[in-house]
Amino acid sequence: MNSYFKRLTYIYLVLSIIFIIISFIIFKRTSTQLSYLRLSIGALLISAILDFSVVIFKTKKLPPIINILLGFISLIPAIYVFKEVFGALMFKVSIAIYIFAFVCAVIYSIAVIIISYRVRKDEQFLNKLLKEKKNTENE
């Protein structure tokens, strides 16, 4: 549980900085100010959703493909929260949010594939070392 809150805090910190930068850009382009409370609550909700997605991804009870699919499904509410926070100020065309979500999904899936490949390779290496150690102990 401690690692969950630690990860949640880091994600919230990064998202808060990103949201403030986006809010500043929106202010410069449209002269519209977004309330800090709205940005903070949105960043907190999205960070909780992202952290939940990471927890789903890290579970080892299910096959990796199902973990990836559940991770994507759990990210869908984050898109709607992001759209509610910035609304029509950032996404004048409704298709823009879905393009943004698609780009995020592609980046997420590439990261998942790379990480799962590395984990499998490390697991095979460690199993090989364990078998060698058992063989040397038996002899």
C-alpha atoms as a PDB file:
ATOM      1  CA  MET A   1       0.000   0.000   0.000  1.00  0.00           C
ATOM      2  CA  ASN A   2       2.927   2.302   0.717  1.00  0.00           C
ATOM      3  CA  SER A   3       4.285   1.908  -2.818  1.00  0.00           C
ATOM      4  CA  TYR A   4       0.834   2.737  -4.202  1.00  0.00           C
ATOM      5  CA  PHE A   5       0.751   6.115  -2.443  1.00  0.00           C
ATOM      6  CA  LYS A   6       4.372   6.830  -3.282  1.00  0.00           C
ATOM      7  CA  ARG A   7       3.733   6.181  -6.971  1.00  0.00           C
ATOM      8  CA  LEU A   8       0.495   8.187  -6.775  1.00  0.00           C
ATOM      9  CA  THR A   9       2.409  11.137  -5.346  1.00  0.00           C
ATOM     10  CA  TYR A  10       5.023  11.056  -8.100  1.00  0.00           C
ATOM     11  CA  ILE A  11       2.405  10.796 -10.830  1.00  0.00           C
ATOM     12  CA  TYR A  12       0.424  13.649  -9.242  1.00  0.00           C
ATOM     13  CA  LEU A  13       3.526  15.831  -9.097  1.00  0.00           C
ATOM     14  CA  VAL A  14       4.346  15.288 -12.759  1.00  0.00           C
ATOM     15  CA  LEU A  15       0.733  15.749 -13.854  1.00  0.00           C
ATOM     16  CA  SER A  16       0.358  18.938 -11.820  1.00  0.00           C
ATOM     17  CA  ILE A  17       3.383  20.441 -13.533  1.00  0.00           C
ATOM     18  CA  ILE A  18       2.104  19.363 -16.963  1.00  0.00           C
ATOM     19  CA  PHE A  19      -1.375  20.724 -16.233  1.00  0.00           C
ATOM     20  CA  ILE A  20       0.015  24.082 -15.100  1.00  0.00           C
ATOM     21  CA  ILE A  21       2.108  24.337 -18.273  1.00  0.00           C
ATOM     22  CA  ILE A  22      -0.913  23.472 -20.443  1.00  0.00           C
ATOM     23  CA  SER A  23      -3.018  25.982 -18.498  1.00  0.00           C
ATOM     24  CA  PHE A  24      -0.378  28.653 -19.084  1.00  0.00           C
ATOM     25  CA  ILE A  25      -0.349  27.908 -22.823  1.00  0.00           C
ATOM     26  CA  ILE A  26      -4.154  28.107 -22.937  1.00  0.00           C
ATOM     27  CA  PHE A  27      -4.027  31.411 -21.056  1.00  0.00           C
ATOM     28  CA  LYS A  28      -1.524  32.855 -23.526  1.00  0.00           C
ATOM     29  CA  ARG A  29      -3.522  31.732 -26.571  1.00  0.00           C
ATOM     30  CA  THR A  30      -7.095  32.425 -25.448  1.00  0.00           C
ATOM     31  CA  SER A  31      -6.756  34.751 -22.415  1.00  0.00           C
ATOM     32  CA  THR A  32      -8.918  32.330 -20.425  1.00  0.00           C
ATOM     33  CA  GLN A  33      -7.894  31.350 -16.931  1.00  0.00           C
ATOM     34  CA  LEU A  34      -8.580  27.906 -15.540  1.00  0.00           C
ATOM     35  CA  SER A  35      -9.035  27.589 -11.801  1.00  0.00           C
ATOM     36  CA  TYR A  36      -6.251  25.893  -9.896  1.00  0.00           C
ATOM     37  CA  LEU A  37      -8.783  23.795  -7.979  1.00  0.00           C
ATOM     38  CA  ARG A  38     -10.124  22.369 -11.237  1.00  0.00           C
ATOM     39  CA  LEU A  39      -6.598  21.554 -12.400  1.00  0.00           C
ATOM     40  CA  SER A  40      -5.658  19.984  -9.058  1.00  0.00           C
ATOM     41  CA  ILE A  41      -8.732  17.786  -8.826  1.00  0.00           C
ATOM     42  CA  GLY A  42      -8.304  16.714 -12.454  1.00  0.00           C
ATOM     43  CA  ALA A  43      -4.629  15.896 -11.898  1.00  0.00           C
ATOM     44  CA  LEU A  44      -5.483  13.932  -8.746  1.00  0.00           C
ATOM     45  CA  LEU A  45      -8.186  11.899 -10.486  1.00  0.00           C
ATOM     46  CA  ILE A  46      -6.004  11.168 -13.504  1.00  0.00           C
ATOM     47  CA  SER A  47      -3.046  10.214 -11.312  1.00  0.00           C
ATOM     48  CA  ALA A  48      -5.263   7.786  -9.376  1.00  0.00           C
ATOM     49  CA  ILE A  49      -6.490   6.283 -12.649  1.00  0.00           C
ATOM     50  CA  LEU A  50      -2.941   5.976 -13.997  1.00  0.00           C
ATOM     51  CA  ASP A  51      -1.728   4.397 -10.781  1.00  0.00           C
ATOM     52  CA  PHE A  52      -4.602   1.907 -10.870  1.00  0.00           C
ATOM     53  CA  SER A  53      -3.611   1.092 -14.449  1.00  0.00           C
ATOM     54  CA  VAL A  54      -0.026   0.435 -13.327  1.00  0.00           C
ATOM     55  CA  VAL A  55      -1.293  -1.844 -10.555  1.00  0.00           C
ATOM     56  CA  ILE A  56      -3.340  -3.807 -13.096  1.00  0.00           C
ATOM     57  CA  PHE A  57      -0.359  -4.009 -15.419  1.00  0.00           C
ATOM     58  CA  LYS A  58       1.932  -5.320 -12.681  1.00  0.00           C
ATOM     59  CA  THR A  59      -0.350  -8.143 -11.559  1.00  0.00           C
ATOM     60  CA  LYS A  60       1.121 -11.533 -12.317  1.00  0.00           C
ATOM     61  CA  LYS A  61      -2.049 -13.541 -11.858  1.00  0.00           C
ATOM     62  CA  LEU A  62      -3.213 -12.995 -15.441  1.00  0.00           C
ATOM     63  CA  PRO A  63      -1.504 -13.447 -18.816  1.00  0.00           C
ATOM     64  CA  PRO A  64       0.349 -10.338 -20.078  1.00  0.00           C
ATOM     65  CA  ILE A  65      -2.041  -9.767 -23.002  1.00  0.00           C
ATOM     66  CA  ILE A  66      -5.022  -9.563 -20.643  1.00  0.00           C
ATOM     67  CA  ASN A  67      -3.056  -7.215 -18.379  1.00  0.00           C
ATOM     68  CA  ILE A  68      -2.380  -4.923 -21.334  1.00  0.00           C
ATOM     69  CA  LEU A  69      -6.029  -4.916 -22.384  1.00  0.00           C
ATOM     70  CA  LEU A  70      -7.233  -4.240 -18.849  1.00  0.00           C
ATOM     71  CA  GLY A  71      -4.618  -1.493 -18.532  1.00  0.00           C
ATOM     72  CA  PHE A  72      -5.970   0.179 -21.669  1.00  0.00           C
ATOM     73  CA  ILE A  73      -9.555  -0.160 -20.506  1.00  0.00           C
ATOM     74  CA  SER A  74      -8.708   1.351 -17.136  1.00  0.00           C
ATOM     75  CA  LEU A  75      -7.131   4.366 -18.886  1.00  0.00           C
ATOM     76  CA  ILE A  76     -10.357   5.327 -20.674  1.00  0.00           C
ATOM     77  CA  PRO A  77     -11.768   7.371 -17.752  1.00  0.00           C
ATOM     78  CA  ALA A  78      -8.557   9.436 -17.709  1.00  0.00           C
ATOM     79  CA  ILE A  79      -9.336  10.665 -21.206  1.00  0.00           C
ATOM     80  CA  TYR A  80     -12.757  11.917 -20.140  1.00  0.00           C
ATOM     81  CA  VAL A  81     -11.370  13.597 -17.019  1.00  0.00           C
ATOM     82  CA  PHE A  82      -8.722  15.321 -19.172  1.00  0.00           C
ATOM     83  CA  LYS A  83     -11.446  16.470 -21.563  1.00  0.00           C
ATOM     84  CA  GLU A  84     -13.542  17.810 -18.669  1.00  0.00           C
ATOM     85  CA  VAL A  85     -10.612  19.709 -17.169  1.00  0.00           C
ATOM     86  CA  PHE A  86      -9.567  21.465 -20.354  1.00  0.00           C
ATOM     87  CA  GLY A  87     -12.799  21.156 -22.301  1.00  0.00           C
ATOM     88  CA  ALA A  88     -13.318  23.123 -25.476  1.00  0.00           C
ATOM     89  CA  LEU A  89     -10.374  25.394 -24.692  1.00  0.00           C
ATOM     90  CA  MET A  90      -7.883  22.781 -25.768  1.00  0.00           C
ATOM     91  CA  PHE A  91      -9.948  20.441 -27.873  1.00  0.00           C
ATOM     92  CA  LYS A  92     -11.970  22.575 -30.263  1.00  0.00           C
ATOM     93  CA  VAL A  93     -12.573  19.542 -32.436  1.00  0.00           C
ATOM     94  CA  SER A  94     -13.863  16.518 -30.541  1.00  0.00           C
ATOM     95  CA  ILE A  95     -11.697  14.168 -32.606  1.00  0.00           C
ATOM     96  CA  ALA A  96      -8.567  15.751 -31.125  1.00  0.00           C
ATOM     97  CA  ILE A  97      -9.083  14.049 -27.753  1.00  0.00           C
ATOM     98  CA  TYR A  98      -9.313  10.669 -29.440  1.00  0.00           C
ATOM     99  CA  ILE A  99      -6.173  11.333 -31.483  1.00  0.00           C
ATOM    100  CA  PHE A 100      -4.458  12.320 -28.241  1.00  0.00           C
ATOM    101  CA  ALA A 101      -5.710   9.112 -26.594  1.00  0.00           C
ATOM    102  CA  PHE A 102      -4.534   7.024 -29.542  1.00  0.00           C
ATOM    103  CA  VAL A 103      -1.031   8.517 -29.358  1.00  0.00           C
ATOM    104  CA  CYS A 104      -0.930   7.829 -25.612  1.00  0.00           C
ATOM    105  CA  ALA A 105      -2.121   4.266 -26.201  1.00  0.00           C
ATOM    106  CA  VAL A 106       0.594   3.650 -28.785  1.00  0.00           C
ATOM    107  CA  ILE A 107       3.279   4.983 -26.428  1.00  0.00           C
ATOM    108  CA  TYR A 108       1.865   2.902 -23.567  1.00  0.00           C
ATOM    109  CA  SER A 109       1.764  -0.275 -25.644  1.00  0.00           C
ATOM    110  CA  ILE A 110       5.347   0.189 -26.852  1.00  0.00           C
ATOM    111  CA  ALA A 111       6.473   0.628 -23.244  1.00  0.00           C
ATOM    112  CA  VAL A 112       4.532  -2.448 -22.149  1.00  0.00           C
ATOM    113  CA  ILE A 113       6.007  -4.588 -24.925  1.00  0.00           C
ATOM    114  CA  ILE A 114       9.566  -3.475 -24.132  1.00  0.00           C
ATOM    115  CA  ILE A 115       9.142  -4.025 -20.400  1.00  0.00           C
ATOM    116  CA  SER A 116       7.513  -7.443 -20.795  1.00  0.00           C
ATOM    117  CA  TYR A 117      10.298  -8.535 -23.157  1.00  0.00           C
ATOM    118  CA  ARG A 118      12.971  -7.464 -20.667  1.00  0.00           C
ATOM    119  CA  VAL A 119      11.192  -9.142 -17.770  1.00  0.00           C
ATOM    120  CA  ARG A 120      10.886 -12.430 -19.655  1.00  0.00           C
ATOM    121  CA  LYS A 121      14.542 -12.296 -20.647  1.00  0.00           C
ATOM    122  CA  ASP A 122      15.608 -11.614 -17.047  1.00  0.00           C
ATOM    123  CA  GLU A 123      13.332 -14.372 -15.778  1.00  0.00           C
ATOM    124  CA  GLN A 124      14.820 -16.902 -18.187  1.00  0.00           C
ATOM    125  CA  PHE A 125      18.338 -15.856 -17.203  1.00  0.00           C
ATOM    126  CA  LEU A 126      17.574 -16.137 -13.494  1.00  0.00           C
ATOM    127  CA  ASN A 127      15.926 -19.540 -13.948  1.00  0.00           C
ATOM    128  CA  LYS A 128      18.987 -20.710 -15.847  1.00  0.00           C
ATOM    129  CA  LEU A 129      21.268 -19.552 -13.027  1.00  0.00           C
ATOM    130  CA  LEU A 130      19.048 -21.252 -10.467  1.00  0.00           C
ATOM    131  CA  LYS A 131      19.184 -24.555 -12.354  1.00  0.00           C
ATOM    132  CA  GLU A 132      22.968 -24.328 -12.618  1.00  0.00           C
ATOM    133  CA  LYS A 133      23.224 -23.678  -8.906  1.00  0.00           C
ATOM    134  CA  LYS A 134      20.990 -26.668  -8.098  1.00  0.00           C
ATOM    135  CA  ASN A 135      23.081 -28.864 -10.402  1.00  0.00           C
ATOM    136  CA  THR A 136      26.328 -27.810  -8.729  1.00  0.00           C
ATOM    137  CA  GLU A 137      24.843 -28.451  -5.269  1.00  0.00           C
ATOM    138  CA  ASN A 138      23.656 -31.922  -6.259  1.00  0.00           C
ATOM    139  CA  GLU A 139      27.066 -32.960  -7.575  1.00  0.00           C
END
